[in-house]
Amino acid sequence: MVLSEQRILKSVEILPAQNTVNVLWVDQVLRDEEVIAETNHRKAYASDQKDDFLAEVDGAAGYVPAIGW
């Protein structure tokens, strides 16, 4: 039996009026490559959290021009 975890980027929502980005991930626990538990994890990033956004979100650099940061 092999247990593992994975985080999947589900959505990135740009909110220009608030100058923030909302990110939603799905965190999964797998046993022998089968999902046995799943939770959603959401985080909002303000413009002063650009470095956190770039470090924590896969492919974040592609969103930065659209966000205007």
N, C-alpha and C. Protein backbone atom coordinates (compact mmCIF):
# COMPACT_ATOMS: atom_id res chain seq x y z
N MET A 1 0.85 -1.17 0.00
CA MET A 1 0.00 0.00 0.00
C MET A 1 0.90 1.25 0.00
N VAL A 2 0.65 2.13 -0.96
CA VAL A 2 1.41 3.36 -1.09
C VAL A 2 0.48 4.54 -0.91
N LEU A 3 0.76 5.40 0.11
CA LEU A 3 0.00 6.63 0.31
C LEU A 3 0.78 7.80 -0.24
N SER A 4 0.07 8.70 -0.92
CA SER A 4 0.70 9.90 -1.44
C SER A 4 -0.31 11.04 -1.44
N GLU A 5 0.21 12.24 -1.62
CA GLU A 5 -0.64 13.43 -1.66
C GLU A 5 -0.33 14.20 -2.93
N GLN A 6 -1.33 14.91 -3.41
CA GLN A 6 -1.12 15.80 -4.54
C GLN A 6 -2.04 17.00 -4.44
N ARG A 7 -1.56 18.11 -4.99
CA ARG A 7 -2.35 19.35 -5.02
C ARG A 7 -2.56 19.70 -6.48
N ILE A 8 -3.81 19.90 -6.85
CA ILE A 8 -4.17 20.21 -8.22
C ILE A 8 -4.75 21.62 -8.27
N LEU A 9 -4.20 22.45 -9.14
CA LEU A 9 -4.72 23.79 -9.32
C LEU A 9 -6.05 23.69 -10.05
N LYS A 10 -7.11 24.16 -9.42
CA LYS A 10 -8.45 24.04 -10.01
C LYS A 10 -8.89 25.32 -10.70
N SER A 11 -8.63 26.48 -10.08
CA SER A 11 -9.04 27.73 -10.74
C SER A 11 -8.23 28.90 -10.22
N VAL A 12 -8.09 29.90 -11.09
CA VAL A 12 -7.48 31.18 -10.75
C VAL A 12 -8.47 32.24 -11.21
N GLU A 13 -8.93 33.05 -10.28
CA GLU A 13 -9.92 34.08 -10.58
C GLU A 13 -9.31 35.45 -10.29
N ILE A 14 -9.22 36.28 -11.31
CA ILE A 14 -8.66 37.61 -11.17
C ILE A 14 -9.80 38.58 -10.84
N LEU A 15 -9.64 39.34 -9.75
CA LEU A 15 -10.64 40.32 -9.33
C LEU A 15 -10.02 41.71 -9.41
N PRO A 16 -10.07 42.34 -10.60
CA PRO A 16 -9.37 43.61 -10.78
C PRO A 16 -9.90 44.73 -9.88
N ALA A 17 -11.17 44.75 -9.59
CA ALA A 17 -11.73 45.81 -8.74
C ALA A 17 -11.13 45.78 -7.33
N GLN A 18 -10.81 44.59 -6.84
CA GLN A 18 -10.21 44.45 -5.51
C GLN A 18 -8.69 44.31 -5.58
N ASN A 19 -8.15 44.26 -6.82
CA ASN A 19 -6.72 44.05 -7.03
C ASN A 19 -6.22 42.80 -6.31
N THR A 20 -7.01 41.74 -6.42
CA THR A 20 -6.66 40.46 -5.80
C THR A 20 -6.85 39.31 -6.79
N VAL A 21 -6.29 38.19 -6.42
CA VAL A 21 -6.44 36.95 -7.18
C VAL A 21 -6.88 35.87 -6.21
N ASN A 22 -7.94 35.15 -6.55
CA ASN A 22 -8.40 34.01 -5.76
C ASN A 22 -7.94 32.74 -6.44
N VAL A 23 -7.36 31.84 -5.67
CA VAL A 23 -6.87 30.58 -6.20
C VAL A 23 -7.55 29.44 -5.45
N LEU A 24 -7.97 28.42 -6.20
CA LEU A 24 -8.59 27.24 -5.61
C LEU A 24 -7.80 26.02 -6.03
N TRP A 25 -7.39 25.23 -5.03
CA TRP A 25 -6.72 23.96 -5.27
C TRP A 25 -7.60 22.84 -4.73
N VAL A 26 -7.37 21.65 -5.24
CA VAL A 26 -7.93 20.43 -4.68
C VAL A 26 -6.76 19.63 -4.14
N ASP A 27 -6.78 19.38 -2.84
CA ASP A 27 -5.76 18.54 -2.20
C ASP A 27 -6.31 17.13 -2.11
N GLN A 28 -5.54 16.18 -2.61
CA GLN A 28 -5.99 14.79 -2.63
C GLN A 28 -5.00 13.89 -1.90
N VAL A 29 -5.56 12.90 -1.23
CA VAL A 29 -4.78 11.81 -0.64
C VAL A 29 -5.08 10.57 -1.48
N LEU A 30 -4.02 9.92 -1.91
CA LEU A 30 -4.17 8.74 -2.76
C LEU A 30 -3.59 7.51 -2.08
N ARG A 31 -4.26 6.40 -2.29
CA ARG A 31 -3.74 5.10 -1.85
C ARG A 31 -3.62 4.25 -3.10
N ASP A 32 -2.40 3.84 -3.40
CA ASP A 32 -2.15 3.07 -4.61
C ASP A 32 -2.75 3.76 -5.84
N GLU A 33 -2.54 5.08 -5.93
CA GLU A 33 -2.96 5.94 -7.04
C GLU A 33 -4.47 6.13 -7.15
N GLU A 34 -5.23 5.73 -6.14
CA GLU A 34 -6.68 5.95 -6.10
C GLU A 34 -6.99 7.01 -5.04
N VAL A 35 -7.80 8.01 -5.42
CA VAL A 35 -8.15 9.09 -4.49
C VAL A 35 -9.02 8.52 -3.38
N ILE A 36 -8.56 8.74 -2.12
CA ILE A 36 -9.35 8.26 -0.97
C ILE A 36 -9.87 9.42 -0.12
N ALA A 37 -9.33 10.62 -0.33
CA ALA A 37 -9.81 11.80 0.39
C ALA A 37 -9.49 13.03 -0.45
N GLU A 38 -10.37 14.03 -0.34
CA GLU A 38 -10.19 15.23 -1.15
C GLU A 38 -10.73 16.43 -0.39
N THR A 39 -9.97 17.51 -0.37
CA THR A 39 -10.42 18.75 0.24
C THR A 39 -10.08 19.91 -0.68
N ASN A 40 -10.85 20.98 -0.56
CA ASN A 40 -10.57 22.19 -1.33
C ASN A 40 -9.79 23.15 -0.45
N HIS A 41 -8.90 23.87 -1.08
CA HIS A 41 -8.06 24.85 -0.38
C HIS A 41 -8.11 26.12 -1.21
N ARG A 42 -8.54 27.22 -0.60
CA ARG A 42 -8.66 28.48 -1.32
C ARG A 42 -7.80 29.53 -0.62
N LYS A 43 -7.20 30.39 -1.44
CA LYS A 43 -6.41 31.49 -0.89
C LYS A 43 -6.55 32.70 -1.80
N ALA A 44 -6.65 33.88 -1.19
CA ALA A 44 -6.69 35.14 -1.93
C ALA A 44 -5.34 35.83 -1.78
N TYR A 45 -4.85 36.37 -2.87
CA TYR A 45 -3.57 37.09 -2.89
C TYR A 45 -3.82 38.54 -3.27
N ALA A 46 -3.36 39.47 -2.44
CA ALA A 46 -3.42 40.89 -2.75
C ALA A 46 -2.15 41.27 -3.50
N SER A 47 -2.13 42.47 -4.04
CA SER A 47 -0.98 42.88 -4.86
C SER A 47 0.34 42.84 -4.09
N ASP A 48 0.31 43.08 -2.79
CA ASP A 48 1.56 43.03 -2.02
C ASP A 48 1.99 41.60 -1.70
N GLN A 49 1.24 40.60 -2.17
CA GLN A 49 1.57 39.18 -1.98
C GLN A 49 2.01 38.53 -3.29
N LYS A 50 2.47 39.35 -4.23
CA LYS A 50 2.88 38.83 -5.54
C LYS A 50 3.93 37.74 -5.40
N ASP A 51 4.94 37.94 -4.54
CA ASP A 51 5.99 36.93 -4.37
C ASP A 51 5.43 35.62 -3.84
N ASP A 52 4.49 35.69 -2.91
CA ASP A 52 3.83 34.47 -2.39
C ASP A 52 3.08 33.77 -3.52
N PHE A 53 2.34 34.53 -4.31
CA PHE A 53 1.58 33.99 -5.43
C PHE A 53 2.51 33.26 -6.39
N LEU A 54 3.62 33.89 -6.75
CA LEU A 54 4.57 33.27 -7.68
C LEU A 54 5.18 32.00 -7.11
N ALA A 55 5.42 31.97 -5.80
CA ALA A 55 6.04 30.81 -5.17
C ALA A 55 5.06 29.65 -4.95
N GLU A 56 3.80 29.96 -4.74
CA GLU A 56 2.84 28.93 -4.33
C GLU A 56 1.95 28.39 -5.45
N VAL A 57 1.84 29.10 -6.56
CA VAL A 57 0.90 28.71 -7.61
C VAL A 57 1.67 28.26 -8.85
N ASP A 58 1.45 27.00 -9.25
CA ASP A 58 2.09 26.49 -10.47
C ASP A 58 1.62 27.32 -11.66
N GLY A 59 2.57 27.77 -12.47
CA GLY A 59 2.24 28.55 -13.66
C GLY A 59 1.83 29.98 -13.38
N ALA A 60 2.13 30.48 -12.19
CA ALA A 60 1.68 31.82 -11.78
C ALA A 60 2.24 32.92 -12.67
N ALA A 61 3.46 32.76 -13.15
CA ALA A 61 4.07 33.80 -13.96
C ALA A 61 3.24 34.13 -15.21
N GLY A 62 2.52 33.13 -15.71
CA GLY A 62 1.65 33.35 -16.87
C GLY A 62 0.45 34.22 -16.56
N TYR A 63 0.05 34.30 -15.30
CA TYR A 63 -1.10 35.11 -14.91
C TYR A 63 -0.73 36.54 -14.58
N VAL A 64 0.53 36.80 -14.23
CA VAL A 64 0.94 38.12 -13.75
C VAL A 64 0.60 39.24 -14.75
N PRO A 65 0.86 39.08 -16.05
CA PRO A 65 0.49 40.17 -16.97
C PRO A 65 -1.02 40.44 -16.99
N ALA A 66 -1.82 39.41 -16.88
CA ALA A 66 -3.29 39.59 -16.89
C ALA A 66 -3.76 40.29 -15.62
N ILE A 67 -3.06 40.06 -14.52
CA ILE A 67 -3.41 40.66 -13.26
C ILE A 67 -3.01 42.13 -13.25
N GLY A 68 -1.91 42.45 -13.95
CA GLY A 68 -1.42 43.82 -13.97
C GLY A 68 -0.43 44.11 -12.85
N TRP A 69 0.18 43.06 -12.28
CA TRP A 69 1.15 43.26 -11.21
C TRP A 69 2.52 43.47 -11.80
